[in-house]
Amino acid sequence: MRAAAPTNDAALAAEALASVHTASFPVLLRELSASVLVSTYQAGKLVLLRAEGARVNTHFRGFARPMGLAADRGRIALGTHSEIVEFHNMPALAAKLGGDAVHDAAYLLRRRHVTGAIDIHEMAFDGSGRLWFVNTLFSCLCTQDESSSFVPRWRPWFVSHLAAEDRCHLNGLGMRDGEPRYVTALGQSNSLQGWRANKRDGGVLIDIQQNRIVAAGLSMPHSPRWHGGRLWLLESGRGALVSIDPLSGAKTDIARVPGFARGLDFIGPVALIGLSQLRESNAFTDIPLTEQNAERRSGIWAVNVHSGETLAFLTFTGGVREIFAVQALCGVQFPEVVYEGELLASAYALPDAALRDVASHP
């Protein structure tokens, strides 16, 4: 094991936010030509995991209850306590960032959309670039417009109407062929937080195009994904990466991990899985995982999807106990997120036509 570098944010104490990782983790990131974004609402941080020599540089950025993440080489969307914050990459600025490292992406704050406190869970961009997000408080799947807090697009048929009652704990969103296709919920309830009555094995995976339940009896499912021609999810209550037959709903365990599994992304044959400790005071503890594994960890596990073998992992040893989202940035190895300071005030993004005009008049 190798100690990871402390955060570069001087406002944070290294003792409070710390991690260790296998020597294989930075090697894997370089092999994949990727970095990893992690949101932790419990710690109030967006964490950037970046390979730096023989270590993983864990770079912390503070936000109010960050949860859902959607990201690619061009932009990042982050769901927080009461707004969606959007960042756009300005590659030309990356070379101007200070420090010893060579940055290859600079995501600058560009937009804030106030949603209100709706408990945003998973988020994703569709094929046209539109952002979709799970509105857990109102039990629906949403998009944005210019004037509304949110635009409801779909809700489960067993939820009779929109109400700020978290009736089924809708949480996960999976895209397929560039469109929203799968969601997960912790129960089929139509009453105020009714899902809590059977959180142990009341979870469901839903095909929203066909309006049907693909699989039921799941233990706190999260993070449905379509990858490599297969349907995946995390059965969080068992700490399991699971493959689901999209027609029959039959499930196959691919790997077990030592924590509450929540947050999933893939790069080729590698699954990146978020793990949370879930202390005994947490509401999500009356589940198989807490009975079977007292030494639950918080971190990121890299698993081979063919063999189930653990390839590498990073464990947070201080400050971070619960993780929500995990998002790989393919082709971006050392990004920065800029949301304050002089760079934000003096960096200007213009349309291509305007940039040509600026270049012609020095």
Foldseek 3Di string as FASTA:
>chain_A
DAWADAAPPPVDDSQFWTWDKDLLVLVVCVVQLWWKWFDFLVLQWIWIWFRDPSHTHTYTDGHHRWAAWEDEQAKIWIDHQFKIWIWGWDQVCQCVDDDDDRFRTETETDDIQGLGRQPWAYWYAFPVRWIWIQRQQQQAIWGDDDPHSTHGDDHAPLAPGGDRQSFFRWHAWEDDNRHTFKTKTQASGHDRPNSLVPLQFHMFMAGRVVSDTQAGRARNWYYWYCPPNWIWIASQLQQFIWTADSHNRDIDTQAHDQARWAAWDDRVQKIKIFGAHQDPVDSSQPYPNVVPHVPHFGWIWIAGRVRRDTSMIMTIPRSGGDIHYMDMHRNGRHYHYDYDDDCNVPDDDDPPVVVVVVVVPD
